[in-house]
Structures are given as C-alpha cells and as structure tokens.
C-alpha cells in the first residue's frame, strides 16, 4: 500500500472496552482485557517498528486502569482507546474527578487518547446492527396499512427499519462518522485541557469535512450562550483554541474536504487513515487515492498530513 507505519485500533471486541464491560464476572473481564492487550503488545513487537496498536483500558476500575496503562506503557504501547460515553455504563463523565488519575498519566506520559467512532456503543447496540440481517433479509419490508398501529420502539434506530440489511448498514456507517461530534464539542467546552495541558486526543475514523462547521458553531454558540461570569471563568481558552492545541482528526475516502478544508481544520490537526481491513477500506489503491486528493495541496502541508503529524503524535521514528 505504500504505508510505512500504521496505528491499529481494536475491532473484534469493540473499539474500546465497552463490550468487555458487559462480562459480569470481574475476574473473567480482567483476564479478557489483559489477554487482548497482551496480543496487541505481541503485534507491536512483531511489527518491526511499523505497527502501533492502541490498547483498551478497564475504566470501570480506576486503580486497575492506571496499573494497566503503566504496564503497557512500559512495554512500548503508544496510546489507548476510550469510550466517549462512560456514563452509559454507569460511570462518571470523562471530565469528572473519577478520571483524573487516568488523565494525569496520559498527560505525564505523552500517550495518546483515541476516541474511535462507535466506541461508546454498547454490545447490545452493536449486536442489533449485526443481527439486522437475520431480522430483515429482503431488500424492502413495507408494512401494509392494515398492520397499523405498529409497536412503538424504545428508541428510534439510525435507519428506517423497513430498509433491507445493506441499506441499514450504509446509513448507520454514514451517521456513525458524526457520532464523535459529541465528544469533540464536550471536550472543547470543558476545562480538561487546562488541567492537563499536554493531553493529545484523536477522533478516529470520523472524517474532516464537518469539522470547520462544528468549530464555527461552537464559537458562535459559546459567544451567544456562555455569558455568566462563572461560566466564562470556567475555562481559560475558547473552544476552537482547545481543538487546535489538543485534538486530531482524520480522513480516508473524502475527496473534496482534503483539497479544500485542511487549512480550516488545521494543518497540524489532520491525519490520514486507510480503514484496512474493513470492506470499505482504500486497499488496494491507497497511494493513488491520497496522491489524487492531495495533488494541489502545498508539499509541506501534504508531508505534515501524510507523515509528520502522526509521527510526532505517536512518537514514531521515520
């Protein structure tokens, strides 16, 4: 593919530790997470300095989280994946005191905190998507009016339930890019980065085309709505400043945004990805794709996006 090094994210057990959290037996849960992380250490050791897996954290136990981070950092792991919605499994929000020991270690060690799209999904939500093929095998499933009224769902799914399986997946995948709007906007409205000034965070697989709009919206709504003195004093910088100093976003299939919006997003904030080995990945035309979409970008900017940003962020020697 013409790729020197790759950052690898968990997949089989979810994008963070939410699915592991569903294991009720605490010792078994601990064992599964440690085994998976040990596998990542083996992958990195066998990668000849080119493969950099991002491990999972047992955030349900903060003492264990710090111990596991320390253990894996000592083995050369460069970063970790996190759920963007720990409150959905009964834990505090990410900026609350409960998570301070974890953020302290991120800040001190230089390890990268990664929020992959969909990482906050529960195992039940993911299984609902995977299982939709069995419940809806045909292309369309329109219900006759005689079948009304229909049962009222507990929550509206991301897709229309009368679609076939493949359309459901396409719709869900499209909307999932935007799922990280929540973590980005909340981080940029918090004072987490004031407390941890060296903290670096990646929004993984979420694209870049929507970032300029979100930053503009954050700035506008901040000025319009954050007016009381105690609220203004809550954070030391503006939302877009937190983004520029601490956040990274990435693109892969996009064509218009990389050519037009890199400067608006931030030259130092953009990474690339390939999405290998998912079916919608760029393989086997990875180099051709990035050559084409970045053809008119300044060479110095192109180098930062293709190489330098990620190398500096994850501490990769190139």
Protein backbone atom coordinates (compact mmCIF):
# COMPACT_ATOMS: atom_id res chain seq x y z
CA UNK A 1 0.00 0.00 0.00
CA UNK A 2 2.98 2.32 0.33
CA UNK A 3 2.35 2.80 4.05
CA UNK A 4 5.38 2.94 6.36
CA UNK A 5 3.61 2.60 9.69
CA UNK A 6 0.07 2.03 10.93
CA UNK A 7 -1.89 2.84 14.07
CA UNK A 8 -4.14 -0.13 14.85
CA UNK A 9 -7.44 0.03 16.73
CA UNK A 10 -9.37 -2.78 18.47
CA UNK A 11 -12.22 -4.26 16.47
CA UNK A 12 -13.21 -7.82 17.34
CA UNK A 13 -14.24 -6.91 20.89
CA UNK A 14 -15.36 -3.39 20.05
CA UNK A 15 -13.47 -0.13 19.56
CA UNK A 16 -12.91 0.37 23.30
CA UNK A 17 -13.65 -1.66 26.43
CA UNK A 18 -17.44 -1.25 26.47
CA UNK A 19 -18.07 -4.79 25.22
CA UNK A 20 -15.63 -6.24 27.73
CA UNK A 21 -17.52 -4.31 30.41
CA UNK A 22 -20.58 -6.45 29.62
CA UNK A 23 -18.80 -9.50 31.10
CA UNK A 24 -20.34 -9.83 34.55
CA UNK A 25 -17.60 -11.90 36.18
CA UNK A 26 -14.97 -9.33 37.18
CA UNK A 27 -12.03 -11.74 37.13
CA UNK A 28 -13.01 -13.02 33.71
CA UNK A 29 -13.46 -9.45 32.48
CA UNK A 30 -9.99 -8.54 33.75
CA UNK A 31 -8.48 -11.62 32.12
CA UNK A 32 -10.10 -10.95 28.72
CA UNK A 33 -8.88 -7.35 28.66
CA UNK A 34 -5.34 -8.28 29.68
CA UNK A 35 -5.16 -11.08 27.10
CA UNK A 36 -6.34 -8.74 24.35
CA UNK A 37 -3.85 -6.08 25.36
CA UNK A 38 -1.05 -8.66 25.55
CA UNK A 39 -1.94 -9.67 21.99
CA UNK A 40 -1.51 -6.03 20.97
CA UNK A 41 1.91 -5.95 22.63
CA UNK A 42 2.88 -9.03 20.61
CA UNK A 43 1.65 -7.39 17.40
CA UNK A 44 3.73 -4.31 18.11
CA UNK A 45 6.81 -6.38 18.99
CA UNK A 46 6.49 -8.32 15.74
CA UNK A 47 5.77 -5.19 13.68
CA UNK A 48 9.40 -4.16 13.31
CA UNK A 49 8.66 -0.59 14.39
CA UNK A 50 5.79 -0.20 11.92
CA UNK A 51 2.67 -1.42 13.76
CA UNK A 52 1.33 0.53 16.74
CA UNK A 53 -1.81 -0.96 18.34
CA UNK A 54 -3.84 1.22 20.70
CA UNK A 55 -4.77 -0.79 23.77
CA UNK A 56 -8.00 -0.85 25.78
CA UNK A 57 -8.47 0.40 29.34
CA UNK A 58 -10.56 -1.07 32.20
CA UNK A 59 -12.18 2.25 33.05
CA UNK A 60 -14.68 0.59 35.41
CA UNK A 61 -11.78 0.31 37.91
CA UNK A 62 -9.54 3.39 38.02
CA UNK A 63 -6.79 1.76 40.09
CA UNK A 64 -6.66 -1.08 37.57
CA UNK A 65 -6.75 1.44 34.71
CA UNK A 66 -3.64 3.25 35.96
CA UNK A 67 -1.87 -0.05 36.60
CA UNK A 68 -2.72 -1.39 33.14
CA UNK A 69 -1.67 1.86 31.47
CA UNK A 70 1.64 1.77 33.33
CA UNK A 71 2.22 -1.88 32.44
CA UNK A 72 1.55 -1.31 28.75
CA UNK A 73 3.46 1.96 28.51
CA UNK A 74 6.47 0.11 29.90
CA UNK A 75 6.04 -2.36 27.03
CA UNK A 76 6.05 0.41 24.42
CA UNK A 77 2.32 0.91 23.75
CA UNK A 78 1.82 4.47 22.46
CA UNK A 79 -1.86 5.07 23.14
CA UNK A 80 -5.23 3.77 24.25
CA UNK A 81 -8.82 3.74 23.05
CA UNK A 82 -11.64 5.07 25.19
CA UNK A 83 -15.41 5.05 25.20
CA UNK A 84 -16.85 8.51 24.61
CA UNK A 85 -19.89 7.64 26.75
CA UNK A 86 -18.77 6.01 30.01
CA UNK A 87 -21.89 7.37 31.66
CA UNK A 88 -23.93 4.90 29.57
CA UNK A 89 -22.42 2.06 31.60
CA UNK A 90 -22.91 3.79 34.94
CA UNK A 91 -19.58 5.62 35.17
CA UNK A 92 -18.92 9.36 35.60
CA UNK A 93 -18.43 11.71 32.67
CA UNK A 94 -14.92 11.95 31.30
CA UNK A 95 -14.07 15.34 32.82
CA UNK A 96 -15.17 14.42 36.34
CA UNK A 97 -12.70 13.75 39.21
CA UNK A 98 -13.08 9.96 38.88
CA UNK A 99 -10.99 10.03 35.69
CA UNK A 100 -8.27 12.39 36.96
CA UNK A 101 -5.69 9.65 37.69
CA UNK A 102 -6.07 8.38 34.13
CA UNK A 103 -5.79 11.84 32.58
CA UNK A 104 -2.80 12.60 34.79
CA UNK A 105 -0.99 9.60 33.35
CA UNK A 106 -1.95 10.49 29.79
CA UNK A 107 -0.63 14.00 30.39
CA UNK A 108 2.61 12.90 32.02
CA UNK A 109 3.43 10.02 29.67
CA UNK A 110 2.52 11.60 26.34
CA UNK A 111 0.33 8.61 25.47
CA UNK A 112 -2.47 9.35 23.00
CA UNK A 113 -6.15 9.08 23.95
CA UNK A 114 -8.16 7.79 20.97
CA UNK A 115 -11.93 8.03 20.54
CA UNK A 116 -12.91 5.78 17.65
CA UNK A 117 -16.36 6.35 16.19
CA UNK A 118 -18.84 3.92 17.71
CA UNK A 119 -16.61 3.25 20.73
CA UNK A 120 -19.38 4.31 23.08
CA UNK A 121 -21.86 1.81 21.65
CA UNK A 122 -22.98 -0.94 23.97
CA UNK A 123 -22.62 -4.56 22.99
CA UNK A 124 -26.40 -4.75 22.63
CA UNK A 125 -26.41 -1.84 20.16
CA UNK A 126 -23.66 -3.41 18.07
CA UNK A 127 -25.35 -6.80 18.06
CA UNK A 128 -28.57 -5.09 16.97
CA UNK A 129 -26.79 -3.80 13.87
CA UNK A 130 -25.07 -7.10 13.14
CA UNK A 131 -28.26 -9.05 13.68
CA UNK A 132 -30.41 -6.93 11.40
CA UNK A 133 -29.57 -9.27 8.51
CA UNK A 134 -31.44 -12.10 10.21
CA UNK A 135 -34.47 -9.95 11.01
CA UNK A 136 -34.70 -8.28 7.59
CA UNK A 137 -33.26 -10.34 4.76
CA UNK A 138 -35.18 -8.82 1.88
CA UNK A 139 -34.48 -5.50 0.18
CA UNK A 140 -37.65 -3.87 1.41
CA UNK A 141 -40.20 -4.70 4.06
CA UNK A 142 -43.01 -2.19 3.71
CA UNK A 143 -45.92 -2.85 6.03
CA UNK A 144 -49.48 -2.65 4.78
CA UNK A 145 -51.74 -0.12 6.48
CA UNK A 146 -53.79 -2.99 7.89
CA UNK A 147 -50.86 -3.76 10.17
CA UNK A 148 -51.13 -0.38 11.87
CA UNK A 149 -50.60 0.84 14.51
CA UNK A 150 -47.10 -0.52 14.81
CA UNK A 151 -45.33 -1.15 18.10
CA UNK A 152 -43.56 1.95 19.41
CA UNK A 153 -39.80 1.31 19.70
CA UNK A 154 -37.89 2.18 22.86
CA UNK A 155 -35.63 4.38 20.72
CA UNK A 156 -35.59 5.32 17.07
CA UNK A 157 -32.88 3.40 15.20
CA UNK A 158 -30.46 5.29 12.99
CA UNK A 159 -32.07 3.72 9.93
CA UNK A 160 -35.65 3.17 8.78
CA UNK A 161 -36.48 -0.32 9.93
CA UNK A 162 -38.24 -1.17 6.67
CA UNK A 163 -34.97 -0.92 4.73
CA UNK A 164 -33.00 -4.00 3.74
CA UNK A 165 -29.86 -5.04 5.60
CA UNK A 166 -27.34 -3.42 3.27
CA UNK A 167 -29.08 -0.04 3.26
CA UNK A 168 -29.28 -0.20 7.03
CA UNK A 169 -25.54 -0.75 7.27
CA UNK A 170 -24.78 2.04 4.80
CA UNK A 171 -26.98 4.51 6.68
CA UNK A 172 -25.60 3.54 10.07
CA UNK A 173 -21.99 3.77 8.85
CA UNK A 174 -22.65 7.22 7.37
CA UNK A 175 -24.21 8.55 10.56
CA UNK A 176 -21.52 6.98 12.72
CA UNK A 177 -18.94 9.46 11.40
CA UNK A 178 -20.91 12.18 13.14
CA UNK A 179 -21.12 10.29 16.43
CA UNK A 180 -17.88 11.94 17.54
CA UNK A 181 -19.46 15.39 17.39
CA UNK A 182 -20.49 14.75 20.98
CA UNK A 183 -17.02 14.01 22.34
CA UNK A 184 -15.34 16.82 20.38
CA UNK A 185 -17.83 19.50 21.42
CA UNK A 186 -17.85 18.43 25.06
CA UNK A 187 -14.06 18.32 25.26
CA UNK A 188 -13.80 21.78 23.69
CA UNK A 189 -16.33 23.21 26.15
CA UNK A 190 -14.66 21.68 29.21
CA UNK A 191 -11.57 22.71 31.16
CA UNK A 192 -9.96 19.28 30.83
CA UNK A 193 -7.10 20.64 28.75
CA UNK A 194 -6.40 23.41 31.26
CA UNK A 195 -5.88 20.74 33.90
CA UNK A 196 -3.85 18.55 31.54
CA UNK A 197 -2.03 20.90 29.15
CA UNK A 198 -0.03 18.21 27.33
CA UNK A 199 -3.02 15.96 26.63
CA UNK A 200 -3.45 14.87 22.99
CA UNK A 201 -6.69 13.32 21.73
CA UNK A 202 -7.57 11.67 18.40
CA UNK A 203 -11.04 11.43 16.90
CA UNK A 204 -10.60 8.25 14.87
CA UNK A 205 -12.36 7.49 11.58
CA UNK A 206 -14.74 10.43 11.90
CA UNK A 207 -13.70 12.38 8.79
CA UNK A 208 -12.84 16.07 8.49
CA UNK A 209 -15.47 17.64 6.22
CA UNK A 210 -17.76 18.59 9.09
CA UNK A 211 -15.05 19.93 11.42
CA UNK A 212 -14.98 23.57 10.20
CA UNK A 213 -18.75 23.85 10.64
CA UNK A 214 -18.63 22.39 14.16
CA UNK A 215 -15.81 24.72 15.19
CA UNK A 216 -17.66 27.71 13.79
CA UNK A 217 -20.85 26.60 15.53
CA UNK A 218 -19.02 26.12 18.84
CA UNK A 219 -17.56 29.61 18.65
CA UNK A 220 -20.91 31.16 17.77
CA UNK A 221 -22.88 29.34 20.47
CA UNK A 222 -20.15 30.00 23.04
CA UNK A 223 -20.43 33.75 22.45
CA UNK A 224 -24.22 33.67 22.35
CA UNK A 225 -24.88 31.44 25.35
CA UNK A 226 -21.89 31.36 27.69
CA UNK A 227 -22.32 34.79 29.26
CA UNK A 228 -22.49 34.41 33.05
CA UNK A 229 -19.23 35.24 34.79
CA UNK A 230 -18.80 31.86 36.48
CA UNK A 231 -19.40 30.08 33.18
CA UNK A 232 -16.96 32.34 31.33
CA UNK A 233 -14.33 31.79 34.01
CA UNK A 234 -14.79 28.02 33.81
CA UNK A 235 -12.23 27.60 31.01
CA UNK A 236 -9.13 29.57 30.07
CA UNK A 237 -9.40 29.31 26.28
CA UNK A 238 -12.02 29.33 23.57
CA UNK A 239 -13.39 26.07 22.12
CA UNK A 240 -11.54 26.36 18.81
CA UNK A 241 -8.28 27.03 20.67
CA UNK A 242 -8.65 23.80 22.61
CA UNK A 243 -9.23 21.98 19.34
CA UNK A 244 -6.15 23.47 17.67
CA UNK A 245 -3.89 22.67 20.63
CA UNK A 246 -5.11 19.22 21.62
CA UNK A 247 -7.28 17.43 19.03
CA UNK A 248 -6.57 15.46 15.86
CA UNK A 249 -9.00 14.25 13.21
CA UNK A 250 -8.52 12.00 10.19
CA UNK A 251 -9.89 11.29 6.72
CA UNK A 252 -9.77 8.46 4.25
CA UNK A 253 -12.37 8.25 1.42
CA UNK A 254 -13.11 12.00 1.38
CA UNK A 255 -12.07 13.87 -1.75
CA UNK A 256 -13.43 17.43 -1.54
CA UNK A 257 -12.60 18.19 2.11
CA UNK A 258 -8.88 17.29 1.94
CA UNK A 259 -8.41 19.52 -1.09
CA UNK A 260 -10.35 22.48 0.29
CA UNK A 261 -10.54 22.39 4.08
CA UNK A 262 -7.22 21.29 5.58
CA UNK A 263 -6.30 24.88 6.41
CA UNK A 264 -9.71 25.43 8.02
CA UNK A 265 -9.42 22.27 10.11
CA UNK A 266 -5.78 22.95 10.97
CA UNK A 267 -2.69 21.75 9.11
CA UNK A 268 -1.27 20.30 12.32
CA UNK A 269 -4.53 18.58 13.29
CA UNK A 270 -5.17 16.33 10.27
CA UNK A 271 -4.17 12.68 9.89
CA UNK A 272 -4.93 10.08 7.24
CA UNK A 273 -6.30 6.57 7.60
CA UNK A 274 -6.96 3.60 5.32
CA UNK A 275 -9.66 1.68 7.27
CA UNK A 276 -7.96 -1.62 6.47
CA UNK A 277 -9.21 -4.36 6.74
CA UNK A 278 -12.85 -3.27 6.60
CA UNK A 279 -14.69 -3.87 3.29
CA UNK A 280 -14.89 -0.11 2.62
CA UNK A 281 -11.14 0.45 3.06
CA UNK A 282 -8.93 2.14 0.47
CA UNK A 283 -6.96 -1.01 -0.37
CA UNK A 284 -5.53 -1.68 -2.93
CA UNK A 285 -5.46 1.91 -4.27
CA UNK A 286 -4.30 3.71 -1.15
CA UNK A 287 -1.38 5.63 -2.61
CA UNK A 288 -3.32 6.53 -5.74
CA UNK A 289 -6.19 7.92 -3.67
CA UNK A 290 -4.06 10.19 -1.48
CA UNK A 291 -1.95 11.26 -4.44
CA UNK A 292 -5.09 12.36 -6.24
CA UNK A 293 -6.93 14.13 -3.42
CA UNK A 294 -3.82 15.93 -2.16
CA UNK A 295 -2.39 16.77 -5.58
CA UNK A 296 -3.00 20.51 -5.26
CA UNK A 297 -2.02 20.80 -1.60
CA UNK A 298 1.21 22.58 -0.72
CA UNK A 299 4.01 19.96 -0.46
CA UNK A 300 4.91 20.98 3.10
CA UNK A 301 1.27 20.64 4.16
CA UNK A 302 0.98 17.32 2.33
CA UNK A 303 4.01 15.98 4.20
CA UNK A 304 2.52 17.01 7.55
CA UNK A 305 -0.80 15.31 6.78
CA UNK A 306 0.69 12.13 5.33
CA UNK A 307 3.55 11.69 7.77
CA UNK A 308 4.77 14.27 10.23
CA UNK A 309 1.61 14.85 12.28
CA UNK A 310 1.16 11.15 13.10
CA UNK A 311 4.89 10.55 13.58
CA UNK A 312 5.16 13.38 16.10
CA UNK A 313 1.91 12.49 17.86
CA UNK A 314 2.63 8.78 18.34
CA UNK A 315 6.41 9.12 18.67
CA UNK A 316 7.25 7.16 15.52
CA UNK A 317 10.75 7.44 14.06
CA UNK A 318 10.62 7.83 10.28
